[in-house]
């Protein structure tokens, strides 16, 4: 790699002059600037970003930790944060914790060592103390999707209970009275909140959920398949199911078909997340859409502002999900299968 000294020698100027041209820190005569720029182009010189970041204590990079980057939902979340960060002039380092608390801590330490300017953090959800302010050394952190140590950190979350309530209220409006629920893993905030919304919608409709109607899934398609089979064995008279994420809804769809039932004629199905291929299932999946773009924008802005820094009141943002009606619920106004309107 060519050095700044070689650029200075080729241009016939001092190293300080080259530095001023590269960083724009002081005016340089047109002649010297032209010579420096010509030398840079001729040698293919690129400034040392690490050295620059040490000088100004800024890397223009954010870190992001997600529990499972193979899950399309987290892929959508990561993409939205990356896009919004790029617009603000930041690059993003993506780390996958694999829902492993030890790996999660190792990546947090790594990102601190890499001197990122902030971290977007989706917790494994297994520990309330996964963020240690001393280890983070005052680094701005924005908690995403799963709340951690409420009030201690800036956060961008979604009204999951409201989304669950809206999904089930829609099924009730369509005339369903025996509605099953495939929850996510026990102990994860979004899962518990969505089930809370499910229960609230049934209570509002004057119904008490039968304990047999709620089964615990794992937020994966295989888990949705297995739990849907279990639901059908528990109560074959169910006419609708709310799956707490789209991946489990996809698995449930297969299980329903394999049991000789039809969606939506025999069983209506609603998911949660509106991942990219939700509108490509057969039939297209009715779901609760996450506000991905707004989420990414808010997270990037909070990180850029350093809202969770010491001495600042952490800002807590709750975004609204939205019901997207497609064919799987059997609503008369459900549109035909087609590409998602994004």
C-alpha atoms as a PDB file:
ATOM      1  CA  UNK A   1       0.000   0.000   0.000  1.00  0.00           C
ATOM      2  CA  UNK A   2       1.416   3.440  -0.925  1.00  0.00           C
ATOM      3  CA  UNK A   3       2.018   5.731   2.048  1.00  0.00           C
ATOM      4  CA  UNK A   4       1.361   9.418   2.619  1.00  0.00           C
ATOM      5  CA  UNK A   5       5.142   9.925   2.635  1.00  0.00           C
ATOM      6  CA  UNK A   6       5.396   8.523  -0.913  1.00  0.00           C
ATOM      7  CA  UNK A   7       2.587  10.830  -2.050  1.00  0.00           C
ATOM      8  CA  UNK A   8       4.428  13.818  -0.558  1.00  0.00           C
ATOM      9  CA  UNK A   9       7.701  12.834  -2.243  1.00  0.00           C
ATOM     10  CA  UNK A  10       6.075  12.358  -5.662  1.00  0.00           C
ATOM     11  CA  UNK A  11       4.175  15.667  -5.402  1.00  0.00           C
ATOM     12  CA  UNK A  12       7.185  17.549  -4.039  1.00  0.00           C
ATOM     13  CA  UNK A  13       5.354  18.801  -0.974  1.00  0.00           C
ATOM     14  CA  UNK A  14       5.374  18.122   2.768  1.00  0.00           C
ATOM     15  CA  UNK A  15       3.430  15.336   4.462  1.00  0.00           C
ATOM     16  CA  UNK A  16       1.439  18.029   6.263  1.00  0.00           C
ATOM     17  CA  UNK A  17       0.336  19.502   2.928  1.00  0.00           C
ATOM     18  CA  UNK A  18      -0.861  16.098   1.727  1.00  0.00           C
ATOM     19  CA  UNK A  19      -2.795  15.682   4.987  1.00  0.00           C
ATOM     20  CA  UNK A  20      -4.503  19.063   4.521  1.00  0.00           C
ATOM     21  CA  UNK A  21      -5.511  18.133   0.956  1.00  0.00           C
ATOM     22  CA  UNK A  22      -6.862  14.725   1.990  1.00  0.00           C
ATOM     23  CA  UNK A  23      -8.740  15.935   5.074  1.00  0.00           C
ATOM     24  CA  UNK A  24      -9.675  19.442   3.907  1.00  0.00           C
ATOM     25  CA  UNK A  25      -8.363  20.894   7.141  1.00  0.00           C
ATOM     26  CA  UNK A  26      -6.553  23.950   5.694  1.00  0.00           C
ATOM     27  CA  UNK A  27      -6.520  25.815   2.359  1.00  0.00           C
ATOM     28  CA  UNK A  28      -3.786  24.698  -0.062  1.00  0.00           C
ATOM     29  CA  UNK A  29      -2.725  26.521  -3.230  1.00  0.00           C
ATOM     30  CA  UNK A  30      -4.261  25.302  -6.469  1.00  0.00           C
ATOM     31  CA  UNK A  31      -0.875  24.219  -7.816  1.00  0.00           C
ATOM     32  CA  UNK A  32       0.033  22.134  -4.769  1.00  0.00           C
ATOM     33  CA  UNK A  33      -3.458  20.639  -4.580  1.00  0.00           C
ATOM     34  CA  UNK A  34      -3.275  19.576  -8.238  1.00  0.00           C
ATOM     35  CA  UNK A  35       0.152  17.957  -7.697  1.00  0.00           C
ATOM     36  CA  UNK A  36      -1.048  16.111  -4.602  1.00  0.00           C
ATOM     37  CA  UNK A  37      -4.214  14.886  -6.307  1.00  0.00           C
ATOM     38  CA  UNK A  38      -2.202  13.721  -9.327  1.00  0.00           C
ATOM     39  CA  UNK A  39       0.221  11.834  -7.039  1.00  0.00           C
ATOM     40  CA  UNK A  40      -2.677  10.231  -5.146  1.00  0.00           C
ATOM     41  CA  UNK A  41      -4.254   9.057  -8.399  1.00  0.00           C
ATOM     42  CA  UNK A  42      -0.939   7.821  -9.803  1.00  0.00           C
ATOM     43  CA  UNK A  43      -0.029   5.811  -6.714  1.00  0.00           C
ATOM     44  CA  UNK A  44      -3.556   4.649  -5.877  1.00  0.00           C
ATOM     45  CA  UNK A  45      -3.153   6.040  -2.367  1.00  0.00           C
ATOM     46  CA  UNK A  46      -6.010   5.616   0.104  1.00  0.00           C
ATOM     47  CA  UNK A  47      -6.031   7.311   3.529  1.00  0.00           C
ATOM     48  CA  UNK A  48      -5.708   5.071   6.587  1.00  0.00           C
ATOM     49  CA  UNK A  49      -9.250   5.052   7.973  1.00  0.00           C
ATOM     50  CA  UNK A  50      -8.168   3.440  11.245  1.00  0.00           C
ATOM     51  CA  UNK A  51      -5.549   6.107  11.933  1.00  0.00           C
ATOM     52  CA  UNK A  52      -8.028   8.834  11.065  1.00  0.00           C
ATOM     53  CA  UNK A  53     -10.652   7.374  13.404  1.00  0.00           C
ATOM     54  CA  UNK A  54      -8.132   7.316  16.255  1.00  0.00           C
ATOM     55  CA  UNK A  55      -7.332  10.983  15.672  1.00  0.00           C
ATOM     56  CA  UNK A  56     -10.907  12.190  15.625  1.00  0.00           C
ATOM     57  CA  UNK A  57     -12.465   9.464  17.875  1.00  0.00           C
ATOM     58  CA  UNK A  58     -14.997   8.626  15.190  1.00  0.00           C
ATOM     59  CA  UNK A  59     -15.161   5.635  12.845  1.00  0.00           C
ATOM     60  CA  UNK A  60     -18.418   6.460  11.002  1.00  0.00           C
ATOM     61  CA  UNK A  61     -19.434   2.864  11.678  1.00  0.00           C
ATOM     62  CA  UNK A  62     -22.286   1.358  13.667  1.00  0.00           C
ATOM     63  CA  UNK A  63     -22.395  -2.181  14.992  1.00  0.00           C
ATOM     64  CA  UNK A  64     -25.553  -4.271  14.827  1.00  0.00           C
ATOM     65  CA  UNK A  65     -26.236  -7.517  16.695  1.00  0.00           C
ATOM     66  CA  UNK A  66     -29.207  -9.694  15.724  1.00  0.00           C
ATOM     67  CA  UNK A  67     -30.198 -13.103  17.158  1.00  0.00           C
ATOM     68  CA  UNK A  68     -30.705 -14.938  13.853  1.00  0.00           C
ATOM     69  CA  UNK A  69     -29.815 -13.439  10.489  1.00  0.00           C
ATOM     70  CA  UNK A  70     -31.310 -16.447   8.694  1.00  0.00           C
ATOM     71  CA  UNK A  71     -34.758 -15.320   9.864  1.00  0.00           C
ATOM     72  CA  UNK A  72     -36.233 -13.088   7.112  1.00  0.00           C
ATOM     73  CA  UNK A  73     -37.647 -10.747   9.753  1.00  0.00           C
ATOM     74  CA  UNK A  74     -34.211  -9.926  11.147  1.00  0.00           C
ATOM     75  CA  UNK A  75     -32.850  -9.651   7.607  1.00  0.00           C
ATOM     76  CA  UNK A  76     -35.489  -6.985   6.949  1.00  0.00           C
ATOM     77  CA  UNK A  77     -34.646  -5.187  10.215  1.00  0.00           C
ATOM     78  CA  UNK A  78     -30.914  -5.251   9.463  1.00  0.00           C
ATOM     79  CA  UNK A  79     -31.436  -3.987   5.922  1.00  0.00           C
ATOM     80  CA  UNK A  80     -33.636  -1.106   7.073  1.00  0.00           C
ATOM     81  CA  UNK A  81     -31.074   0.025   9.677  1.00  0.00           C
ATOM     82  CA  UNK A  82     -28.209  -0.340   7.220  1.00  0.00           C
ATOM     83  CA  UNK A  83     -30.001   1.685   4.540  1.00  0.00           C
ATOM     84  CA  UNK A  84     -30.896   4.481   6.953  1.00  0.00           C
ATOM     85  CA  UNK A  85     -27.385   4.533   8.426  1.00  0.00           C
ATOM     86  CA  UNK A  86     -25.821   4.747   4.970  1.00  0.00           C
ATOM     87  CA  UNK A  87     -27.944   7.806   4.201  1.00  0.00           C
ATOM     88  CA  UNK A  88     -26.478   9.429   7.325  1.00  0.00           C
ATOM     89  CA  UNK A  89     -22.924   8.577   6.260  1.00  0.00           C
ATOM     90  CA  UNK A  90     -22.356   5.489   8.407  1.00  0.00           C
ATOM     91  CA  UNK A  91     -21.348   1.931   7.521  1.00  0.00           C
ATOM     92  CA  UNK A  92     -22.690  -1.033   9.515  1.00  0.00           C
ATOM     93  CA  UNK A  93     -20.952  -4.128  10.915  1.00  0.00           C
ATOM     94  CA  UNK A  94     -23.498  -6.963  11.268  1.00  0.00           C
ATOM     95  CA  UNK A  95     -23.050  -9.653  13.938  1.00  0.00           C
ATOM     96  CA  UNK A  96     -25.242 -12.739  14.434  1.00  0.00           C
ATOM     97  CA  UNK A  97     -25.523 -14.019  18.022  1.00  0.00           C
ATOM     98  CA  UNK A  98     -27.380 -17.254  17.114  1.00  0.00           C
ATOM     99  CA  UNK A  99     -29.587 -16.670  20.201  1.00  0.00           C
ATOM    100  CA  UNK A 100     -26.458 -17.469  22.239  1.00  0.00           C
ATOM    101  CA  UNK A 101     -25.794 -15.188  25.239  1.00  0.00           C
ATOM    102  CA  UNK A 102     -22.070 -16.004  25.291  1.00  0.00           C
ATOM    103  CA  UNK A 103     -21.667 -15.191  21.616  1.00  0.00           C
ATOM    104  CA  UNK A 104     -23.730 -12.054  22.138  1.00  0.00           C
ATOM    105  CA  UNK A 105     -21.331 -10.811  24.840  1.00  0.00           C
ATOM    106  CA  UNK A 106     -18.305 -11.643  22.702  1.00  0.00           C
ATOM    107  CA  UNK A 107     -19.688  -9.530  19.843  1.00  0.00           C
ATOM    108  CA  UNK A 108     -20.508  -6.640  22.174  1.00  0.00           C
ATOM    109  CA  UNK A 109     -16.888  -6.663  23.385  1.00  0.00           C
ATOM    110  CA  UNK A 110     -15.619  -6.888  19.802  1.00  0.00           C
ATOM    111  CA  UNK A 111     -17.665  -3.898  18.648  1.00  0.00           C
ATOM    112  CA  UNK A 112     -16.402  -1.820  21.568  1.00  0.00           C
ATOM    113  CA  UNK A 113     -12.826  -2.772  20.630  1.00  0.00           C
ATOM    114  CA  UNK A 114     -13.513  -1.825  17.006  1.00  0.00           C
ATOM    115  CA  UNK A 115     -14.495   1.651  18.265  1.00  0.00           C
ATOM    116  CA  UNK A 116     -17.844   1.725  16.476  1.00  0.00           C
ATOM    117  CA  UNK A 117     -19.824   4.903  17.059  1.00  0.00           C
ATOM    118  CA  UNK A 118     -22.914   3.071  18.330  1.00  0.00           C
ATOM    119  CA  UNK A 119     -24.669  -0.303  18.476  1.00  0.00           C
ATOM    120  CA  UNK A 120     -28.143  -1.364  17.336  1.00  0.00           C
ATOM    121  CA  UNK A 121     -28.920  -4.282  19.612  1.00  0.00           C
ATOM    122  CA  UNK A 122     -31.516  -7.050  19.345  1.00  0.00           C
ATOM    123  CA  UNK A 123     -31.098  -9.173  22.475  1.00  0.00           C
ATOM    124  CA  UNK A 124     -31.299 -12.936  22.713  1.00  0.00           C
ATOM    125  CA  UNK A 125     -33.964 -12.225  25.313  1.00  0.00           C
ATOM    126  CA  UNK A 126     -32.571 -14.701  27.830  1.00  0.00           C
ATOM    127  CA  UNK A 127     -31.015 -12.231  30.291  1.00  0.00           C
ATOM    128  CA  UNK A 128     -32.128  -8.824  31.550  1.00  0.00           C
ATOM    129  CA  UNK A 129     -28.556  -7.743  32.288  1.00  0.00           C
ATOM    130  CA  UNK A 130     -27.048  -8.508  28.874  1.00  0.00           C
ATOM    131  CA  UNK A 131     -26.007  -4.858  28.448  1.00  0.00           C
ATOM    132  CA  UNK A 132     -23.304  -3.757  30.879  1.00  0.00           C
ATOM    133  CA  UNK A 133     -22.772   0.014  30.824  1.00  0.00           C
ATOM    134  CA  UNK A 134     -19.229  -0.317  32.220  1.00  0.00           C
ATOM    135  CA  UNK A 135     -18.151  -2.741  29.504  1.00  0.00           C
ATOM    136  CA  UNK A 136     -19.750  -0.535  26.859  1.00  0.00           C
ATOM    137  CA  UNK A 137     -17.705   2.477  28.058  1.00  0.00           C
ATOM    138  CA  UNK A 138     -20.450   5.005  27.393  1.00  0.00           C
ATOM    139  CA  UNK A 139     -21.039   3.805  23.824  1.00  0.00           C
ATOM    140  CA  UNK A 140     -24.490   4.769  22.457  1.00  0.00           C
ATOM    141  CA  UNK A 141     -26.786   1.741  22.254  1.00  0.00           C
ATOM    142  CA  UNK A 142     -30.290   1.516  20.799  1.00  0.00           C
ATOM    143  CA  UNK A 143     -32.326  -1.526  21.796  1.00  0.00           C
ATOM    144  CA  UNK A 144     -34.445  -2.869  18.933  1.00  0.00           C
ATOM    145  CA  UNK A 145     -37.438  -5.271  18.870  1.00  0.00           C
ATOM    146  CA  UNK A 146     -36.879  -6.859  22.298  1.00  0.00           C
ATOM    147  CA  UNK A 147     -36.838  -4.574  25.324  1.00  0.00           C
ATOM    148  CA  UNK A 148     -33.851  -4.773  27.658  1.00  0.00           C
ATOM    149  CA  UNK A 149     -33.712  -3.155  31.105  1.00  0.00           C
ATOM    150  CA  UNK A 150     -36.649  -0.851  30.374  1.00  0.00           C
ATOM    151  CA  UNK A 151     -35.812   2.832  30.672  1.00  0.00           C
ATOM    152  CA  UNK A 152     -32.041   2.376  30.882  1.00  0.00           C
ATOM    153  CA  UNK A 153     -31.386   2.424  27.142  1.00  0.00           C
ATOM    154  CA  UNK A 154     -32.750   4.171  24.088  1.00  0.00           C
ATOM    155  CA  UNK A 155     -35.129   1.838  22.283  1.00  0.00           C
ATOM    156  CA  UNK A 156     -37.182   1.484  19.119  1.00  0.00           C
ATOM    157  CA  UNK A 157     -39.928  -1.089  19.591  1.00  0.00           C
ATOM    158  CA  UNK A 158     -43.273  -1.980  18.036  1.00  0.00           C
ATOM    159  CA  UNK A 159     -46.701  -2.120  19.699  1.00  0.00           C
ATOM    160  CA  UNK A 160     -46.798  -5.922  19.531  1.00  0.00           C
ATOM    161  CA  UNK A 161     -49.843  -6.324  21.759  1.00  0.00           C
ATOM    162  CA  UNK A 162     -51.770  -3.871  19.603  1.00  0.00           C
ATOM    163  CA  UNK A 163     -50.778  -5.815  16.496  1.00  0.00           C
ATOM    164  CA  UNK A 164     -51.902  -9.099  18.033  1.00  0.00           C
ATOM    165  CA  UNK A 165     -55.161  -7.545  19.119  1.00  0.00           C
ATOM    166  CA  UNK A 166     -55.803  -6.169  15.625  1.00  0.00           C
ATOM    167  CA  UNK A 167     -55.057  -9.519  13.978  1.00  0.00           C
ATOM    168  CA  UNK A 168     -57.492 -11.431  16.152  1.00  0.00           C
ATOM    169  CA  UNK A 169     -60.137  -8.685  16.088  1.00  0.00           C
ATOM    170  CA  UNK A 170     -60.090  -9.014  12.297  1.00  0.00           C
ATOM    171  CA  UNK A 171     -60.751 -12.760  12.577  1.00  0.00           C
ATOM    172  CA  UNK A 172     -63.564 -12.132  15.067  1.00  0.00           C
ATOM    173  CA  UNK A 173     -65.070  -9.597  12.671  1.00  0.00           C
ATOM    174  CA  UNK A 174     -65.094 -12.277   9.985  1.00  0.00           C
ATOM    175  CA  UNK A 175     -67.233 -14.441  12.268  1.00  0.00           C
ATOM    176  CA  UNK A 176     -64.656 -16.769  13.853  1.00  0.00           C
ATOM    177  CA  UNK A 177     -65.198 -17.921  17.412  1.00  0.00           C
ATOM    178  CA  UNK A 178     -62.714 -20.793  17.756  1.00  0.00           C
ATOM    179  CA  UNK A 179     -59.360 -19.117  17.171  1.00  0.00           C
ATOM    180  CA  UNK A 180     -56.066 -20.806  17.948  1.00  0.00           C
ATOM    181  CA  UNK A 181     -52.755 -19.075  18.658  1.00  0.00           C
ATOM    182  CA  UNK A 182     -49.192 -20.191  17.901  1.00  0.00           C
ATOM    183  CA  UNK A 183     -46.991 -18.141  20.212  1.00  0.00           C
ATOM    184  CA  UNK A 184     -43.265 -17.548  20.040  1.00  0.00           C
ATOM    185  CA  UNK A 185     -40.761 -18.826  22.628  1.00  0.00           C
ATOM    186  CA  UNK A 186     -41.626 -18.248  26.254  1.00  0.00           C
ATOM    187  CA  UNK A 187     -39.677 -15.383  27.801  1.00  0.00           C
ATOM    188  CA  UNK A 188     -39.402 -13.247  24.647  1.00  0.00           C
ATOM    189  CA  UNK A 189     -41.173  -9.898  24.996  1.00  0.00           C
ATOM    190  CA  UNK A 190     -42.627  -9.674  21.468  1.00  0.00           C
ATOM    191  CA  UNK A 191     -44.149 -13.156  21.794  1.00  0.00           C
ATOM    192  CA  UNK A 192     -45.743 -12.457  25.180  1.00  0.00           C
ATOM    193  CA  UNK A 193     -47.094  -9.122  23.980  1.00  0.00           C
ATOM    194  CA  UNK A 194     -48.684 -10.619  20.860  1.00  0.00           C
ATOM    195  CA  UNK A 195     -50.368 -13.342  22.913  1.00  0.00           C
ATOM    196  CA  UNK A 196     -51.584 -10.626  25.283  1.00  0.00           C
ATOM    197  CA  UNK A 197     -53.182  -8.908  22.295  1.00  0.00           C
ATOM    198  CA  UNK A 198     -54.765 -12.203  21.220  1.00  0.00           C
ATOM    199  CA  UNK A 199     -56.340 -12.662  24.655  1.00  0.00           C
ATOM    200  CA  UNK A 200     -57.494  -9.040  24.800  1.00  0.00           C
ATOM    201  CA  UNK A 201     -59.280  -9.304  21.435  1.00  0.00           C
ATOM    202  CA  UNK A 202     -61.135 -12.443  22.526  1.00  0.00           C
ATOM    203  CA  UNK A 203     -62.146 -10.869  25.841  1.00  0.00           C
ATOM    204  CA  UNK A 204     -63.444  -7.790  24.061  1.00  0.00           C
ATOM    205  CA  UNK A 205     -65.560 -10.074  21.872  1.00  0.00           C
ATOM    206  CA  UNK A 206     -66.982 -11.741  24.994  1.00  0.00           C
ATOM    207  CA  UNK A 207     -64.964 -14.952  24.615  1.00  0.00           C
ATOM    208  CA  UNK A 208     -62.515 -16.693  26.917  1.00  0.00           C
ATOM    209  CA  UNK A 209     -59.647 -18.473  25.141  1.00  0.00           C
ATOM    210  CA  UNK A 210     -59.586 -22.206  25.680  1.00  0.00           C
ATOM    211  CA  UNK A 211     -56.154 -23.239  27.083  1.00  0.00           C
ATOM    212  CA  UNK A 212     -56.009 -25.886  24.344  1.00  0.00           C
ATOM    213  CA  UNK A 213     -56.018 -23.152  21.719  1.00  0.00           C
ATOM    214  CA  UNK A 214     -52.584 -21.698  22.626  1.00  0.00           C
ATOM    215  CA  UNK A 215     -49.401 -23.600  21.784  1.00  0.00           C
ATOM    216  CA  UNK A 216     -45.788 -22.452  22.054  1.00  0.00           C
ATOM    217  CA  UNK A 217     -43.726 -22.266  18.863  1.00  0.00           C
ATOM    218  CA  UNK A 218     -40.158 -21.181  18.178  1.00  0.00           C
ATOM    219  CA  UNK A 219     -40.537 -18.435  15.512  1.00  0.00           C
ATOM    220  CA  UNK A 220     -39.328 -20.899  12.821  1.00  0.00           C
ATOM    221  CA  UNK A 221     -41.280 -22.575  10.007  1.00  0.00           C
ATOM    222  CA  UNK A 222     -40.675 -26.086  11.361  1.00  0.00           C
ATOM    223  CA  UNK A 223     -41.973 -25.009  14.757  1.00  0.00           C
ATOM    224  CA  UNK A 224     -45.069 -23.566  13.117  1.00  0.00           C
ATOM    225  CA  UNK A 225     -45.637 -26.847  11.292  1.00  0.00           C
ATOM    226  CA  UNK A 226     -45.294 -28.949  14.445  1.00  0.00           C
ATOM    227  CA  UNK A 227     -47.453 -26.716  16.634  1.00  0.00           C
ATOM    228  CA  UNK A 228     -50.179 -26.478  13.987  1.00  0.00           C
ATOM    229  CA  UNK A 229     -50.322 -30.269  13.893  1.00  0.00           C
ATOM    230  CA  UNK A 230     -50.658 -30.207  17.677  1.00  0.00           C
ATOM    231  CA  UNK A 231     -53.432 -27.611  17.524  1.00  0.00           C
ATOM    232  CA  UNK A 232     -55.430 -29.687  15.054  1.00  0.00           C
ATOM    233  CA  UNK A 233     -55.107 -32.730  17.313  1.00  0.00           C
ATOM    234  CA  UNK A 234     -56.204 -30.722  20.354  1.00  0.00           C
ATOM    235  CA  UNK A 235     -59.263 -29.167  18.722  1.00  0.00           C
ATOM    236  CA  UNK A 236     -60.241 -30.193  15.200  1.00  0.00           C
ATOM    237  CA  UNK A 237     -63.081 -27.640  15.273  1.00  0.00           C
ATOM    238  CA  UNK A 238     -60.796 -24.593  15.151  1.00  0.00           C
ATOM    239  CA  UNK A 239     -61.772 -22.250  12.322  1.00  0.00           C
ATOM    240  CA  UNK A 240     -58.926 -19.714  12.537  1.00  0.00           C
ATOM    241  CA  UNK A 241     -55.328 -19.408  13.771  1.00  0.00           C
ATOM    242  CA  UNK A 242     -53.150 -16.439  14.670  1.00  0.00           C
ATOM    243  CA  UNK A 243     -49.436 -17.260  14.296  1.00  0.00           C
ATOM    244  CA  UNK A 244     -47.175 -14.829  16.151  1.00  0.00           C
ATOM    245  CA  UNK A 245     -44.804 -14.516  13.186  1.00  0.00           C
ATOM    246  CA  UNK A 246     -44.924 -15.188   9.450  1.00  0.00           C
ATOM    247  CA  UNK A 247     -42.354 -17.990   9.495  1.00  0.00           C
ATOM    248  CA  UNK A 248     -44.555 -20.061  11.813  1.00  0.00           C
ATOM    249  CA  UNK A 249     -47.583 -19.153   9.686  1.00  0.00           C
ATOM    250  CA  UNK A 250     -45.811 -20.624   6.645  1.00  0.00           C
ATOM    251  CA  UNK A 251     -45.207 -23.861   8.554  1.00  0.00           C
ATOM    252  CA  UNK A 252     -48.805 -23.857   9.778  1.00  0.00           C
ATOM    253  CA  UNK A 253     -50.034 -23.451   6.211  1.00  0.00           C
ATOM    254  CA  UNK A 254     -48.299 -26.670   5.191  1.00  0.00           C
ATOM    255  CA  UNK A 255     -49.618 -28.557   8.221  1.00  0.00           C
ATOM    256  CA  UNK A 256     -53.192 -27.473   7.492  1.00  0.00           C
ATOM    257  CA  UNK A 257     -52.954 -28.698   3.898  1.00  0.00           C
ATOM    258  CA  UNK A 258     -51.382 -32.003   4.959  1.00  0.00           C
ATOM    259  CA  UNK A 259     -54.320 -32.574   7.324  1.00  0.00           C
ATOM    260  CA  UNK A 260     -56.725 -32.272   4.410  1.00  0.00           C
ATOM    261  CA  UNK A 261     -57.976 -28.830   5.401  1.00  0.00           C
ATOM    262  CA  UNK A 262     -58.093 -25.722   3.212  1.00  0.00           C
ATOM    263  CA  UNK A 263     -57.007 -22.138   3.859  1.00  0.00           C
ATOM    264  CA  UNK A 264     -59.124 -20.049   4.177  1.00  0.00           C
ATOM    265  CA  UNK A 265     -62.229 -22.176   3.455  1.00  0.00           C
ATOM    266  CA  UNK A 266     -61.748 -24.422   6.517  1.00  0.00           C
ATOM    267  CA  UNK A 267     -59.218 -22.478   8.583  1.00  0.00           C
ATOM    268  CA  UNK A 268     -58.368 -18.788   8.307  1.00  0.00           C
ATOM    269  CA  UNK A 269     -54.732 -17.885   8.987  1.00  0.00           C
ATOM    270  CA  UNK A 270     -53.057 -14.622  10.046  1.00  0.00           C
ATOM    271  CA  UNK A 271     -49.329 -14.049  10.651  1.00  0.00           C
ATOM    272  CA  UNK A 272     -47.171 -11.230  12.001  1.00  0.00           C
ATOM    273  CA  UNK A 273     -44.218  -9.327  10.430  1.00  0.00           C
ATOM    274  CA  UNK A 274     -45.084  -9.087   6.703  1.00  0.00           C
ATOM    275  CA  UNK A 275     -41.760 -10.551   5.566  1.00  0.00           C
ATOM    276  CA  UNK A 276     -40.966 -10.218   1.863  1.00  0.00           C
ATOM    277  CA  UNK A 277     -42.475 -13.501   0.677  1.00  0.00           C
ATOM    278  CA  UNK A 278     -45.692 -13.306   2.761  1.00  0.00           C
ATOM    279  CA  UNK A 279     -47.624 -12.271  -0.348  1.00  0.00           C
ATOM    280  CA  UNK A 280     -46.190 -15.170  -2.386  1.00  0.00           C
ATOM    281  CA  UNK A 281     -47.585 -18.034  -0.290  1.00  0.00           C
ATOM    282  CA  UNK A 282     -50.630 -19.878  -1.600  1.00  0.00           C
ATOM    283  CA  UNK A 283     -52.940 -18.372  -0.564  1.00  0.00           C
ATOM    284  CA  UNK A 284     -51.224 -15.048   0.120  1.00  0.00           C
ATOM    285  CA  UNK A 285     -50.792 -14.456   3.831  1.00  0.00           C
ATOM    286  CA  UNK A 286     -52.800 -11.930   5.797  1.00  0.00           C
ATOM    287  CA  UNK A 287     -50.417 -10.491   8.371  1.00  0.00           C
ATOM    288  CA  UNK A 288     -49.484  -7.640  10.669  1.00  0.00           C
ATOM    289  CA  UNK A 289     -46.877  -5.522   8.881  1.00  0.00           C
ATOM    290  CA  UNK A 290     -43.854  -4.248  10.774  1.00  0.00           C
ATOM    291  CA  UNK A 291     -42.880  -0.624   9.961  1.00  0.00           C
ATOM    292  CA  UNK A 292     -39.378  -1.620   8.778  1.00  0.00           C
ATOM    293  CA  UNK A 293     -38.369   1.616   7.051  1.00  0.00           C
ATOM    294  CA  UNK A 294     -39.499   3.825   9.920  1.00  0.00           C
ATOM    295  CA  UNK A 295     -37.797   1.524  12.408  1.00  0.00           C
ATOM    296  CA  UNK A 296     -34.499   1.718  10.518  1.00  0.00           C
ATOM    297  CA  UNK A 297     -34.733   5.487  10.224  1.00  0.00           C
ATOM    298  CA  UNK A 298     -35.422   5.992  13.924  1.00  0.00           C
ATOM    299  CA  UNK A 299     -32.640   3.631  15.034  1.00  0.00           C
ATOM    300  CA  UNK A 300     -30.041   5.284  12.790  1.00  0.00           C
ATOM    301  CA  UNK A 301     -31.069   8.745  13.959  1.00  0.00           C
ATOM    302  CA  UNK A 302     -30.854   7.794  17.630  1.00  0.00           C
ATOM    303  CA  UNK A 303     -27.426   6.249  17.154  1.00  0.00           C
ATOM    304  CA  UNK A 304     -26.176   9.297  15.267  1.00  0.00           C
ATOM    305  CA  UNK A 305     -27.409  11.536  18.071  1.00  0.00           C
ATOM    306  CA  UNK A 306     -25.918   9.320  20.752  1.00  0.00           C
ATOM    307  CA  UNK A 307     -29.265   9.447  22.585  1.00  0.00           C
ATOM    308  CA  UNK A 308     -28.363   6.675  25.004  1.00  0.00           C
ATOM    309  CA  UNK A 309     -25.149   8.396  26.086  1.00  0.00           C
ATOM    310  CA  UNK A 310     -24.412   9.146  29.700  1.00  0.00           C
ATOM    311  CA  UNK A 311     -26.303  12.155  30.999  1.00  0.00           C
ATOM    312  CA  UNK A 312     -29.022  12.023  28.347  1.00  0.00           C
ATOM    313  CA  UNK A 313     -32.525  10.747  28.948  1.00  0.00           C
ATOM    314  CA  UNK A 314     -32.859   7.600  26.811  1.00  0.00           C
ATOM    315  CA  UNK A 315     -35.528   8.066  24.193  1.00  0.00           C
ATOM    316  CA  UNK A 316     -38.097   5.260  23.913  1.00  0.00           C
ATOM    317  CA  UNK A 317     -40.028   4.985  20.664  1.00  0.00           C
ATOM    318  CA  UNK A 318     -43.009   2.697  19.981  1.00  0.00           C
ATOM    319  CA  UNK A 319     -44.061   2.282  16.362  1.00  0.00           C
ATOM    320  CA  UNK A 320     -47.433   1.143  15.069  1.00  0.00           C
ATOM    321  CA  UNK A 321     -47.842  -2.096  13.085  1.00  0.00           C
ATOM    322  CA  UNK A 322     -50.510  -2.374  10.403  1.00  0.00           C
ATOM    323  CA  UNK A 323     -52.933  -5.102   9.329  1.00  0.00           C
ATOM    324  CA  UNK A 324     -52.383  -6.218   5.722  1.00  0.00           C
ATOM    325  CA  UNK A 325     -55.368  -8.190   4.450  1.00  0.00           C
ATOM    326  CA  UNK A 326     -54.683 -10.901   1.884  1.00  0.00           C
ATOM    327  CA  UNK A 327     -56.403 -14.130   0.908  1.00  0.00           C
ATOM    328  CA  UNK A 328     -55.464 -16.432   3.815  1.00  0.00           C
ATOM    329  CA  UNK A 329     -58.076 -14.985   6.179  1.00  0.00           C
ATOM    330  CA  UNK A 330     -60.951 -15.326   3.725  1.00  0.00           C
ATOM    331  CA  UNK A 331     -61.973 -11.676   3.896  1.00  0.00           C
ATOM    332  CA  UNK A 332     -64.147 -10.653   0.973  1.00  0.00           C
ATOM    333  CA  UNK A 333     -61.922  -7.652   0.277  1.00  0.00           C
ATOM    334  CA  UNK A 334     -58.708  -9.719   0.216  1.00  0.00           C
ATOM    335  CA  UNK A 335     -56.708  -8.981  -2.959  1.00  0.00           C
ATOM    336  CA  UNK A 336     -55.462 -11.768  -5.257  1.00  0.00           C
ATOM    337  CA  UNK A 337     -51.954 -13.116  -4.842  1.00  0.00           C
ATOM    338  CA  UNK A 338     -49.328 -10.754  -6.137  1.00  0.00           C
ATOM    339  CA  UNK A 339     -46.071  -9.017  -5.333  1.00  0.00           C
ATOM    340  CA  UNK A 340     -45.854  -7.058  -2.098  1.00  0.00           C
ATOM    341  CA  UNK A 341     -46.608  -3.362  -2.183  1.00  0.00           C
ATOM    342  CA  UNK A 342     -43.448  -2.013  -0.562  1.00  0.00           C
END
